[in-house]
C-alpha atoms as a PDB file:
ATOM      1  CA  MET A   1     -10.709 -16.561  14.088  1.00  0.00           C
ATOM      2  CA  LYS A   2      -7.476 -15.273  15.525  1.00  0.00           C
ATOM      3  CA  LYS A   3      -7.707 -13.070  18.646  1.00  0.00           C
ATOM      4  CA  TRP A   4      -5.039 -10.442  19.100  1.00  0.00           C
ATOM      5  CA  ASN A   5      -2.870 -10.709  22.236  1.00  0.00           C
ATOM      6  CA  TYR A   6      -2.430  -7.092  23.105  1.00  0.00           C
ATOM      7  CA  LEU A   7      -2.508  -5.943  26.731  1.00  0.00           C
ATOM      8  CA  PHE A   8      -3.617  -2.446  25.647  1.00  0.00           C
ATOM      9  CA  ASP A   9      -6.624  -0.943  23.933  1.00  0.00           C
ATOM     10  CA  VAL A  10      -6.990   1.823  21.370  1.00  0.00           C
ATOM     11  CA  PRO A  11      -9.836   4.162  22.429  1.00  0.00           C
ATOM     12  CA  ASP A  12     -12.691   3.866  19.969  1.00  0.00           C
ATOM     13  CA  PHE A  13     -12.627   7.568  19.137  1.00  0.00           C
ATOM     14  CA  ARG A  14      -9.019   7.266  17.965  1.00  0.00           C
ATOM     15  CA  LYS A  15      -9.624   4.489  15.548  1.00  0.00           C
ATOM     16  CA  ILE A  16      -9.814   5.047  11.808  1.00  0.00           C
ATOM     17  CA  ARG A  17     -11.370   3.225   8.900  1.00  0.00           C
ATOM     18  CA  MET A  18      -8.854   1.738   6.459  1.00  0.00           C
ATOM     19  CA  ILE A  19      -9.004   0.260   2.965  1.00  0.00           C
ATOM     20  CA  VAL A  20      -5.870  -1.671   1.997  1.00  0.00           C
ATOM     21  CA  HIS A  21      -5.058  -1.751  -1.724  1.00  0.00           C
ATOM     22  CA  THR A  22      -2.239  -4.104  -2.618  1.00  0.00           C
ATOM     23  CA  ASP A  23      -0.564  -5.657  -5.692  1.00  0.00           C
ATOM     24  CA  CYS A  24       0.198  -8.507  -3.354  1.00  0.00           C
ATOM     25  CA  LYS A  25       1.820 -10.970  -5.771  1.00  0.00           C
ATOM     26  CA  ASN A  26       3.947  -8.422  -7.606  1.00  0.00           C
ATOM     27  CA  GLU A  27       7.075  -8.853  -5.545  1.00  0.00           C
ATOM     28  CA  ALA A  28       7.516  -9.967  -1.938  1.00  0.00           C
ATOM     29  CA  ASP A  29       6.977  -6.942   0.323  1.00  0.00           C
ATOM     30  CA  ASP A  30       3.266  -6.195   0.020  1.00  0.00           C
ATOM     31  CA  GLN A  31       2.513  -9.215   2.183  1.00  0.00           C
ATOM     32  CA  PHE A  32       4.418  -7.659   5.114  1.00  0.00           C
ATOM     33  CA  ALA A  33       2.423  -4.443   4.932  1.00  0.00           C
ATOM     34  CA  LEU A  34      -0.855  -6.341   4.593  1.00  0.00           C
ATOM     35  CA  ALA A  35      -0.111  -8.349   7.725  1.00  0.00           C
ATOM     36  CA  HIS A  36       0.931  -5.177   9.546  1.00  0.00           C
ATOM     37  CA  HIS A  37      -2.338  -3.407   8.682  1.00  0.00           C
ATOM     38  CA  LEU A  38      -4.379  -6.350   9.977  1.00  0.00           C
ATOM     39  CA  MET A  39      -2.457  -6.488  13.249  1.00  0.00           C
ATOM     40  CA  THR A  40      -2.814  -2.749  13.956  1.00  0.00           C
ATOM     41  CA  PRO A  41      -5.686  -2.133  16.414  1.00  0.00           C
ATOM     42  CA  LYS A  42      -5.958   1.565  15.490  1.00  0.00           C
ATOM     43  CA  PHE A  43      -7.251   0.481  12.108  1.00  0.00           C
ATOM     44  CA  ILE A  44     -10.750  -0.797  11.353  1.00  0.00           C
ATOM     45  CA  VAL A  45      -9.891  -2.584   8.080  1.00  0.00           C
ATOM     46  CA  LYS A  46     -13.055  -2.289   5.999  1.00  0.00           C
ATOM     47  CA  GLY A  47     -11.742  -4.175   2.984  1.00  0.00           C
ATOM     48  CA  ILE A  48      -8.686  -5.367   1.004  1.00  0.00           C
ATOM     49  CA  ILE A  49      -8.535  -4.624  -2.700  1.00  0.00           C
ATOM     50  CA  ALA A  50      -6.257  -6.754  -4.887  1.00  0.00           C
ATOM     51  CA  GLY A  51      -4.626  -4.581  -7.555  1.00  0.00           C
ATOM     52  CA  HIS A  52      -2.920  -5.266 -10.854  1.00  0.00           C
ATOM     53  CA  PHE A  53       0.747  -5.111 -11.873  1.00  0.00           C
ATOM     54  CA  ASN A  54       0.015  -5.326 -15.482  1.00  0.00           C
ATOM     55  CA  ILE A  55       3.224  -3.731 -16.789  1.00  0.00           C
ATOM     56  CA  ASN A  56       5.271  -6.640 -15.464  1.00  0.00           C
ATOM     57  CA  PRO A  57       2.818  -9.535 -15.353  1.00  0.00           C
ATOM     58  CA  ARG A  58       5.497 -12.232 -14.809  1.00  0.00           C
ATOM     59  CA  GLU A  59       4.172 -15.762 -15.263  1.00  0.00           C
ATOM     60  CA  TYR A  60       0.571 -14.740 -14.632  1.00  0.00           C
ATOM     61  CA  GLY A  61       0.180 -12.973 -17.979  1.00  0.00           C
ATOM     62  CA  VAL A  62      -1.400  -9.671 -18.961  1.00  0.00           C
ATOM     63  CA  GLY A  63      -4.880  -9.378 -17.596  1.00  0.00           C
ATOM     64  CA  ASN A  64      -4.396 -11.854 -14.772  1.00  0.00           C
ATOM     65  CA  THR A  65      -2.311 -10.017 -12.202  1.00  0.00           C
ATOM     66  CA  ALA A  66      -5.126  -8.685 -10.021  1.00  0.00           C
ATOM     67  CA  SER A  67      -6.346 -12.245  -9.828  1.00  0.00           C
ATOM     68  CA  ALA A  68      -2.923 -13.347  -8.690  1.00  0.00           C
ATOM     69  CA  SER A  69      -2.919 -10.602  -6.056  1.00  0.00           C
ATOM     70  CA  LEU A  70      -6.368 -11.678  -4.908  1.00  0.00           C
ATOM     71  CA  ASP A  71      -5.171 -15.263  -4.418  1.00  0.00           C
ATOM     72  CA  GLU A  72      -2.130 -14.046  -2.454  1.00  0.00           C
ATOM     73  CA  VAL A  73      -4.244 -11.852  -0.168  1.00  0.00           C
ATOM     74  CA  ASN A  74      -6.371 -14.867   0.649  1.00  0.00           C
ATOM     75  CA  ARG A  75      -3.277 -16.923   1.343  1.00  0.00           C
ATOM     76  CA  VAL A  76      -1.969 -14.342   3.790  1.00  0.00           C
ATOM     77  CA  LEU A  77      -5.317 -14.243   5.592  1.00  0.00           C
ATOM     78  CA  GLU A  78      -5.360 -17.998   5.865  1.00  0.00           C
ATOM     79  CA  LEU A  79      -1.808 -18.116   7.268  1.00  0.00           C
ATOM     80  CA  MET A  80      -2.717 -15.395   9.811  1.00  0.00           C
ATOM     81  CA  ASP A  81      -5.919 -17.319  10.750  1.00  0.00           C
ATOM     82  CA  VAL A  82      -8.060 -14.271  10.029  1.00  0.00           C
ATOM     83  CA  VAL A  83     -10.089 -15.488   7.050  1.00  0.00           C
ATOM     84  CA  GLY A  84     -13.362 -13.506   6.975  1.00  0.00           C
ATOM     85  CA  ILE A  85     -11.899 -10.512   8.934  1.00  0.00           C
ATOM     86  CA  CYS A  86     -13.061  -8.209   6.157  1.00  0.00           C
ATOM     87  CA  PRO A  87     -14.171  -8.346   2.472  1.00  0.00           C
ATOM     88  CA  VAL A  88     -11.502  -9.155  -0.180  1.00  0.00           C
ATOM     89  CA  ILE A  89     -12.259  -7.500  -3.464  1.00  0.00           C
ATOM     90  CA  LYS A  90     -10.707  -7.701  -6.907  1.00  0.00           C
ATOM     91  CA  GLY A  91      -9.590  -4.479  -8.580  1.00  0.00           C
ATOM     92  CA  ALA A  92      -9.120  -3.707 -12.242  1.00  0.00           C
ATOM     93  CA  GLU A  93      -6.865  -5.926 -14.347  1.00  0.00           C
ATOM     94  CA  VAL A  94      -5.721  -3.102 -16.641  1.00  0.00           C
ATOM     95  CA  PRO A  95      -4.757   0.555 -16.447  1.00  0.00           C
ATOM     96  CA  LEU A  96      -7.096   3.430 -17.373  1.00  0.00           C
ATOM     97  CA  PRO A  97      -7.356   3.970 -21.142  1.00  0.00           C
ATOM     98  CA  ASN A  98      -7.450   7.742 -20.750  1.00  0.00           C
ATOM     99  CA  GLU A  99      -8.060  10.448 -18.068  1.00  0.00           C
ATOM    100  CA  GLN A 100     -11.834  10.538 -18.704  1.00  0.00           C
ATOM    101  CA  THR A 101     -12.724   6.828 -18.759  1.00  0.00           C
ATOM    102  CA  PRO A 102     -12.737   4.621 -15.618  1.00  0.00           C
ATOM    103  CA  VAL A 103     -12.022   0.942 -15.645  1.00  0.00           C
ATOM    104  CA  ASP A 104     -14.976  -0.192 -13.598  1.00  0.00           C
ATOM    105  CA  SER A 105     -14.288  -2.969 -11.116  1.00  0.00           C
ATOM    106  CA  PRO A 106     -15.608  -4.367  -7.815  1.00  0.00           C
ATOM    107  CA  GLY A 107     -12.608  -2.636  -6.137  1.00  0.00           C
ATOM    108  CA  ALA A 108     -13.534   0.808  -7.469  1.00  0.00           C
ATOM    109  CA  ARG A 109     -17.131   0.287  -6.458  1.00  0.00           C
ATOM    110  CA  PHE A 110     -16.089  -0.769  -2.942  1.00  0.00           C
ATOM    111  CA  ILE A 111     -14.073   2.418  -2.528  1.00  0.00           C
ATOM    112  CA  ILE A 112     -17.114   4.485  -3.494  1.00  0.00           C
ATOM    113  CA  GLU A 113     -19.459   2.512  -1.256  1.00  0.00           C
ATOM    114  CA  GLU A 114     -17.240   2.919   1.802  1.00  0.00           C
ATOM    115  CA  ALA A 115     -16.441   6.574   1.145  1.00  0.00           C
ATOM    116  CA  MET A 116     -20.099   7.576   0.791  1.00  0.00           C
ATOM    117  CA  LYS A 117     -21.118   5.968   4.100  1.00  0.00           C
ATOM    118  CA  GLU A 118     -22.103   8.266   6.968  1.00  0.00           C
ATOM    119  CA  ASP A 119     -19.501   7.489   9.629  1.00  0.00           C
ATOM    120  CA  ASP A 120     -17.758   9.642  12.255  1.00  0.00           C
ATOM    121  CA  LYS A 121     -14.431   7.791  11.764  1.00  0.00           C
ATOM    122  CA  PRO A 122     -12.177   9.152   9.084  1.00  0.00           C
ATOM    123  CA  LEU A 123     -11.485   6.922   6.075  1.00  0.00           C
ATOM    124  CA  PHE A 124      -8.034   6.273   4.656  1.00  0.00           C
ATOM    125  CA  ILE A 125      -7.027   4.156   1.727  1.00  0.00           C
ATOM    126  CA  ALA A 126      -3.492   2.669   1.582  1.00  0.00           C
ATOM    127  CA  MET A 127      -2.492   2.486  -2.099  1.00  0.00           C
ATOM    128  CA  GLN A 128       0.478   0.143  -2.332  1.00  0.00           C
ATOM    129  CA  GLY A 129       0.838  -0.123  -6.111  1.00  0.00           C
ATOM    130  CA  ALA A 130      -0.873   1.139  -9.204  1.00  0.00           C
ATOM    131  CA  ILE A 131      -3.461   3.769  -8.373  1.00  0.00           C
ATOM    132  CA  THR A 132      -5.937   2.606 -10.982  1.00  0.00           C
ATOM    133  CA  ASP A 133      -8.890   1.717  -8.778  1.00  0.00           C
ATOM    134  CA  LEU A 134      -8.811   4.936  -6.800  1.00  0.00           C
ATOM    135  CA  ALA A 135      -8.681   6.955 -10.011  1.00  0.00           C
ATOM    136  CA  ALA A 136     -11.592   4.944 -11.438  1.00  0.00           C
ATOM    137  CA  ALA A 137     -13.601   5.548  -8.298  1.00  0.00           C
ATOM    138  CA  ILE A 138     -12.973   9.291  -8.618  1.00  0.00           C
ATOM    139  CA  LEU A 139     -14.101   9.349 -12.200  1.00  0.00           C
ATOM    140  CA  ILE A 140     -17.330   7.360 -11.361  1.00  0.00           C
ATOM    141  CA  GLU A 141     -18.104   9.399  -8.214  1.00  0.00           C
ATOM    142  CA  PRO A 142     -16.021  12.556  -7.702  1.00  0.00           C
ATOM    143  CA  ARG A 143     -17.715  13.278  -4.341  1.00  0.00           C
ATOM    144  CA  ILE A 144     -15.510  10.699  -2.702  1.00  0.00           C
ATOM    145  CA  CYS A 145     -12.621  13.205  -2.833  1.00  0.00           C
ATOM    146  CA  GLU A 146     -14.096  15.157   0.015  1.00  0.00           C
ATOM    147  CA  LYS A 147     -14.707  12.080   2.176  1.00  0.00           C
ATOM    148  CA  MET A 148     -11.398  10.264   2.421  1.00  0.00           C
ATOM    149  CA  THR A 149      -7.594  10.463   2.406  1.00  0.00           C
ATOM    150  CA  ALA A 150      -5.314   8.440   0.141  1.00  0.00           C
ATOM    151  CA  ILE A 151      -1.798   7.456   1.060  1.00  0.00           C
ATOM    152  CA  TRP A 152       0.127   6.438  -2.123  1.00  0.00           C
ATOM    153  CA  ILE A 153       3.392   4.619  -2.190  1.00  0.00           C
ATOM    154  CA  GLY A 154       4.603   5.718  -5.580  1.00  0.00           C
ATOM    155  CA  GLY A 155       6.174   8.286  -7.799  1.00  0.00           C
ATOM    156  CA  GLY A 156       9.710   9.427  -8.556  1.00  0.00           C
ATOM    157  CA  ASN A 157      11.866  11.641  -6.343  1.00  0.00           C
ATOM    158  CA  TYR A 158      10.897  15.295  -5.970  1.00  0.00           C
ATOM    159  CA  PRO A 159      11.141  17.745  -7.524  1.00  0.00           C
ATOM    160  CA  GLU A 160      12.208  16.149 -10.818  1.00  0.00           C
ATOM    161  CA  GLY A 161      10.196  12.886 -10.851  1.00  0.00           C
ATOM    162  CA  GLY A 162      11.140  10.127 -13.181  1.00  0.00           C
ATOM    163  CA  GLN A 163      10.728   6.401 -13.577  1.00  0.00           C
ATOM    164  CA  GLU A 164       9.117   4.509 -10.653  1.00  0.00           C
ATOM    165  CA  PHE A 165       7.363   1.133 -10.814  1.00  0.00           C
ATOM    166  CA  ASN A 166       4.024   1.884  -9.135  1.00  0.00           C
ATOM    167  CA  LEU A 167       3.602   5.025 -11.195  1.00  0.00           C
ATOM    168  CA  MET A 168       4.696   3.182 -14.379  1.00  0.00           C
ATOM    169  CA  ASN A 169       1.840   0.750 -13.946  1.00  0.00           C
ATOM    170  CA  ASP A 170      -0.738   3.536 -14.566  1.00  0.00           C
ATOM    171  CA  ILE A 171       0.527   7.059 -15.248  1.00  0.00           C
ATOM    172  CA  THR A 172      -2.975   7.982 -16.429  1.00  0.00           C
ATOM    173  CA  ALA A 173      -4.527   7.066 -13.114  1.00  0.00           C
ATOM    174  CA  ALA A 174      -1.859   9.048 -11.258  1.00  0.00           C
ATOM    175  CA  ASN A 175      -2.719  12.107 -13.255  1.00  0.00           C
ATOM    176  CA  VAL A 176      -6.435  11.653 -12.521  1.00  0.00           C
ATOM    177  CA  VAL A 177      -5.722  11.590  -8.785  1.00  0.00           C
ATOM    178  CA  MET A 178      -3.209  14.491  -8.965  1.00  0.00           C
ATOM    179  CA  ASN A 179      -5.719  16.603 -10.881  1.00  0.00           C
ATOM    180  CA  SER A 180      -8.589  15.794  -8.504  1.00  0.00           C
ATOM    181  CA  SER A 181      -9.392  17.320  -5.124  1.00  0.00           C
ATOM    182  CA  MET A 182      -8.525  14.078  -3.197  1.00  0.00           C
ATOM    183  CA  ASN A 183      -6.612  14.633   0.028  1.00  0.00           C
ATOM    184  CA  LEU A 184      -3.354  12.940  -0.918  1.00  0.00           C
ATOM    185  CA  TRP A 185      -0.321  11.888   1.067  1.00  0.00           C
ATOM    186  CA  GLN A 186       2.351  10.769  -1.414  1.00  0.00           C
ATOM    187  CA  VAL A 187       5.377   8.656  -0.354  1.00  0.00           C
ATOM    188  CA  PRO A 188       7.736   8.854  -3.343  1.00  0.00           C
ATOM    189  CA  MET A 189      10.621   6.546  -4.081  1.00  0.00           C
ATOM    190  CA  ASN A 190      13.324   8.408  -2.088  1.00  0.00           C
ATOM    191  CA  ALA A 191      11.144   8.205   1.053  1.00  0.00           C
ATOM    192  CA  TYR A 192       9.857   4.664   0.826  1.00  0.00           C
ATOM    193  CA  LYS A 193      13.355   3.302  -0.028  1.00  0.00           C
ATOM    194  CA  GLN A 194      14.357   4.332   3.521  1.00  0.00           C
ATOM    195  CA  LEU A 195      12.674   1.197   4.908  1.00  0.00           C
ATOM    196  CA  ALA A 196      15.605  -1.162   4.175  1.00  0.00           C
ATOM    197  CA  VAL A 197      15.929  -4.431   5.980  1.00  0.00           C
ATOM    198  CA  SER A 198      18.359  -7.296   5.751  1.00  0.00           C
ATOM    199  CA  LEU A 199      17.441 -10.922   5.063  1.00  0.00           C
ATOM    200  CA  ALA A 200      19.368 -11.914   8.182  1.00  0.00           C
ATOM    201  CA  GLU A 201      17.201  -9.463  10.185  1.00  0.00           C
ATOM    202  CA  LEU A 202      14.034 -11.053   8.764  1.00  0.00           C
ATOM    203  CA  GLN A 203      15.299 -14.552   9.476  1.00  0.00           C
ATOM    204  CA  ASP A 204      15.812 -13.558  13.124  1.00  0.00           C
ATOM    205  CA  ARG A 205      12.763 -11.379  13.694  1.00  0.00           C
ATOM    206  CA  VAL A 206      10.116 -12.620  11.285  1.00  0.00           C
ATOM    207  CA  MET A 207      10.622 -16.263  10.314  1.00  0.00           C
ATOM    208  CA  PRO A 208      10.155 -17.846  13.795  1.00  0.00           C
ATOM    209  CA  TYR A 209       6.739 -16.336  14.436  1.00  0.00           C
ATOM    210  CA  GLY A 210       3.884 -18.396  13.251  1.00  0.00           C
ATOM    211  CA  LYS A 211       3.028 -19.822   9.832  1.00  0.00           C
ATOM    212  CA  ILE A 212       2.686 -16.284   8.574  1.00  0.00           C
ATOM    213  CA  GLY A 213       6.201 -15.269   9.791  1.00  0.00           C
ATOM    214  CA  ASN A 214       7.722 -18.323   8.141  1.00  0.00           C
ATOM    215  CA  TYR A 215       5.907 -17.628   4.879  1.00  0.00           C
ATOM    216  CA  LEU A 216       6.796 -13.948   4.806  1.00  0.00           C
ATOM    217  CA  PHE A 217      10.492 -14.797   5.125  1.00  0.00           C
ATOM    218  CA  THR A 218      10.584 -17.832   2.821  1.00  0.00           C
ATOM    219  CA  GLN A 219       8.663 -16.263  -0.056  1.00  0.00           C
ATOM    220  CA  MET A 220      10.940 -13.235   0.031  1.00  0.00           C
ATOM    221  CA  VAL A 221      14.055 -15.431  -0.052  1.00  0.00           C
ATOM    222  CA  GLU A 222      12.534 -17.386  -2.960  1.00  0.00           C
ATOM    223  CA  PHE A 223      11.830 -14.211  -4.904  1.00  0.00           C
ATOM    224  CA  ASN A 224      15.297 -12.843  -4.098  1.00  0.00           C
ATOM    225  CA  ASN A 225      16.939 -16.016  -5.416  1.00  0.00           C
ATOM    226  CA  ASN A 226      14.861 -16.284  -8.556  1.00  0.00           C
ATOM    227  CA  CYS A 227      14.808 -12.619  -9.740  1.00  0.00           C
ATOM    228  CA  LYS A 228      17.380 -12.185 -12.502  1.00  0.00           C
ATOM    229  CA  LEU A 229      17.317  -8.373 -12.899  1.00  0.00           C
ATOM    230  CA  GLU A 230      20.816  -6.939 -12.961  1.00  0.00           C
ATOM    231  CA  HIS A 231      20.136  -3.896 -10.772  1.00  0.00           C
ATOM    232  CA  TRP A 232      17.680  -5.286  -8.188  1.00  0.00           C
ATOM    233  CA  PRO A 233      17.310  -6.831  -5.636  1.00  0.00           C
ATOM    234  CA  HIS A 234      20.744  -6.438  -4.061  1.00  0.00           C
ATOM    235  CA  GLY A 235      21.453  -9.790  -2.541  1.00  0.00           C
ATOM    236  CA  GLU A 236      21.072  -9.434   1.202  1.00  0.00           C
ATOM    237  CA  ILE A 237      18.698  -6.482   1.666  1.00  0.00           C
ATOM    238  CA  TRP A 238      15.169  -5.609   0.764  1.00  0.00           C
ATOM    239  CA  GLY A 239      12.980  -2.522   0.995  1.00  0.00           C
ATOM    240  CA  LEU A 240       9.725  -2.855   2.868  1.00  0.00           C
ATOM    241  CA  GLY A 241       8.551   0.377   1.195  1.00  0.00           C
ATOM    242  CA  ASP A 242       4.790  -0.307   1.658  1.00  0.00           C
ATOM    243  CA  ASN A 243       4.938  -0.256   5.442  1.00  0.00           C
ATOM    244  CA  PRO A 244       4.772   3.554   5.705  1.00  0.00           C
ATOM    245  CA  THR A 245       1.033   3.229   4.987  1.00  0.00           C
ATOM    246  CA  ILE A 246       0.931   2.008   8.600  1.00  0.00           C
ATOM    247  CA  SER A 247       3.619   4.063  10.251  1.00  0.00           C
ATOM    248  CA  LEU A 248       2.487   7.438   8.972  1.00  0.00           C
ATOM    249  CA  LEU A 249      -0.807   6.944  10.756  1.00  0.00           C
ATOM    250  CA  LEU A 250       0.955   5.917  13.980  1.00  0.00           C
ATOM    251  CA  GLU A 251       3.224   8.954  14.119  1.00  0.00           C
ATOM    252  CA  GLU A 252       2.311  11.945  16.184  1.00  0.00           C
ATOM    253  CA  SER A 253       0.420  14.495  14.158  1.00  0.00           C
ATOM    254  CA  GLU A 254       2.942  17.162  15.192  1.00  0.00           C
ATOM    255  CA  ARG A 255       5.595  15.496  13.018  1.00  0.00           C
ATOM    256  CA  THR A 256       5.269  18.042  10.270  1.00  0.00           C
ATOM    257  CA  ASP A 257       9.004  18.017   9.610  1.00  0.00           C
ATOM    258  CA  SER A 258       8.848  14.768   7.633  1.00  0.00           C
ATOM    259  CA  TYR A 259       6.784  16.152   4.724  1.00  0.00           C
ATOM    260  CA  GLU A 260       6.177  19.229   2.603  1.00  0.00           C
ATOM    261  CA  MET A 261       2.948  20.622   1.247  1.00  0.00           C
ATOM    262  CA  ILE A 262       3.385  21.219  -2.465  1.00  0.00           C
ATOM    263  CA  THR A 263       1.261  21.854  -5.522  1.00  0.00           C
ATOM    264  CA  ALA A 264       0.174  18.511  -6.999  1.00  0.00           C
ATOM    265  CA  PRO A 265       2.088  18.003 -10.222  1.00  0.00           C
ATOM    266  CA  THR A 266       0.918  16.557 -13.520  1.00  0.00           C
ATOM    267  CA  ILE A 267       3.146  13.732 -14.716  1.00  0.00           C
ATOM    268  CA  SER A 268       4.753  13.329 -18.135  1.00  0.00           C
ATOM    269  CA  TYR A 269       3.674  10.254 -20.083  1.00  0.00           C
ATOM    270  CA  GLU A 270       7.084  10.192 -21.801  1.00  0.00           C
ATOM    271  CA  ASP A 271       9.486  10.207 -18.859  1.00  0.00           C
ATOM    272  CA  MET A 272       7.315  10.458 -15.707  1.00  0.00           C
ATOM    273  CA  ARG A 273       8.801  13.801 -14.735  1.00  0.00           C
ATOM    274  CA  TYR A 274       6.745  16.273 -12.657  1.00  0.00           C
ATOM    275  CA  ASP A 275       5.235  19.408 -14.092  1.00  0.00           C
ATOM    276  CA  PHE A 276       4.053  22.079 -11.647  1.00  0.00           C
ATOM    277  CA  THR A 277       2.540  24.576 -14.112  1.00  0.00           C
ATOM    278  CA  LYS A 278      -1.053  23.584 -13.503  1.00  0.00           C
ATOM    279  CA  ALA A 279      -2.818  25.313 -10.592  1.00  0.00           C
ATOM    280  CA  ASN A 280      -3.671  22.157  -8.645  1.00  0.00           C
ATOM    281  CA  ARG A 281      -4.359  21.858  -4.942  1.00  0.00           C
ATOM    282  CA  GLN A 282      -1.679  21.152  -2.368  1.00  0.00           C
ATOM    283  CA  ILE A 283      -0.719  17.604  -1.466  1.00  0.00           C
ATOM    284  CA  ARG A 284       1.450  16.164   1.319  1.00  0.00           C
ATOM    285  CA  VAL A 285       4.769  14.772  -0.046  1.00  0.00           C
ATOM    286  CA  TYR A 286       6.936  12.840   2.405  1.00  0.00           C
ATOM    287  CA  LYS A 287      10.676  13.401   2.504  1.00  0.00           C
ATOM    288  CA  ASN A 288      11.342  11.036   5.404  1.00  0.00           C
ATOM    289  CA  VAL A 289       9.621   8.050   7.032  1.00  0.00           C
ATOM    290  CA  ASP A 290      10.293   6.723  10.508  1.00  0.00           C
ATOM    291  CA  SER A 291      11.818   3.346   9.760  1.00  0.00           C
ATOM    292  CA  ARG A 292      12.300   2.563  13.464  1.00  0.00           C
ATOM    293  CA  ILE A 293       8.598   2.815  14.346  1.00  0.00           C
ATOM    294  CA  ALA A 294       7.635   1.136  11.076  1.00  0.00           C
ATOM    295  CA  MET A 295       9.751  -1.950  11.573  1.00  0.00           C
ATOM    296  CA  GLU A 296       9.857  -2.258  15.372  1.00  0.00           C
ATOM    297  CA  ASP A 297       6.106  -2.039  15.540  1.00  0.00           C
ATOM    298  CA  PHE A 298       5.715  -4.733  12.919  1.00  0.00           C
ATOM    299  CA  TYR A 299       8.257  -7.020  14.615  1.00  0.00           C
ATOM    300  CA  ALA A 300       6.599  -6.543  17.999  1.00  0.00           C
ATOM    301  CA  LYS A 301       3.036  -7.174  16.728  1.00  0.00           C
ATOM    302  CA  LEU A 302       4.151 -10.283  14.918  1.00  0.00           C
ATOM    303  CA  LYS A 303       5.981 -11.665  18.016  1.00  0.00           C
ATOM    304  CA  ILE A 304       3.035 -10.855  20.339  1.00  0.00           C
ATOM    305  CA  ASN A 305       0.400 -12.395  18.186  1.00  0.00           C
ATOM    306  CA  TYR A 306       2.269 -15.338  16.657  1.00  0.00           C
ATOM    307  CA  PRO A 307       4.672 -16.565  19.325  1.00  0.00           C
ATOM    308  CA  GLU A 308       7.228 -19.238  18.420  1.00  0.00           C
ATOM    309  CA  THR A 309       5.101 -21.951  20.126  1.00  0.00           C
ATOM    310  CA  ASP A 310       2.459 -21.338  17.360  1.00  0.00           C
ATOM    311  CA  SER A 311       4.944 -21.978  14.566  1.00  0.00           C
END
């Protein structure tokens, strides 16, 4: 298995446990964040959960998208030469039917199992798509809310809210999490869209580095060429909006200027707007993400660990 080439160590007491949840075959950016998580020595990646993107199932068909994500996760691990680095688990194939009924899955059960372990290292889960499996885990075992922190890439801009893809995939699950006591860091659309990169940038700084670098670039170009939506993508740029699940945990804890603590909203099923009338707990909502540390750290780790001679 691949050995990392770092000339530095992260002290053990500064490491954290991490579960990565990814709809890895939905578009073309989750793969970048997955690779970044695995190359980050501060993280002890305990498992990777493959999530659904059921609202836009593409050629995979309704009920098959978590399986597609699972296959893509395994492909990324193979290209990185890290097969077996941690468990890879399938999440639910469909959204929650209502706010009281979980969709049970191996992914939800894995979240519960890891959260309920006695461990002195804090546990985070990086939710990079629909939040179904976390909501299901909360409904099955509410005690996990006191034992972990969730970072969710999703939701419309504050304070109004509105349509956003990850939220659209399971509004019900988002409301379960919002109405729970889970420690939640939300990165809404206006924040995660700040991580814009150009395809020329990726050709220069990603493609040359190993089989994984070549794949990350070429699969993004392929998706960019084949997607026929009128409004997106934009031709020469892409948003690597899932990478804040890494960078927020690399930032200094004193960086309190990049987020606000607000009352967790409930979310309208009709238009996905936020409603603050319910007396929920406070959550952390990010206004800004550090795109420099997010991207430069990724580029550096890729170059260090997959030099051009390995391509």
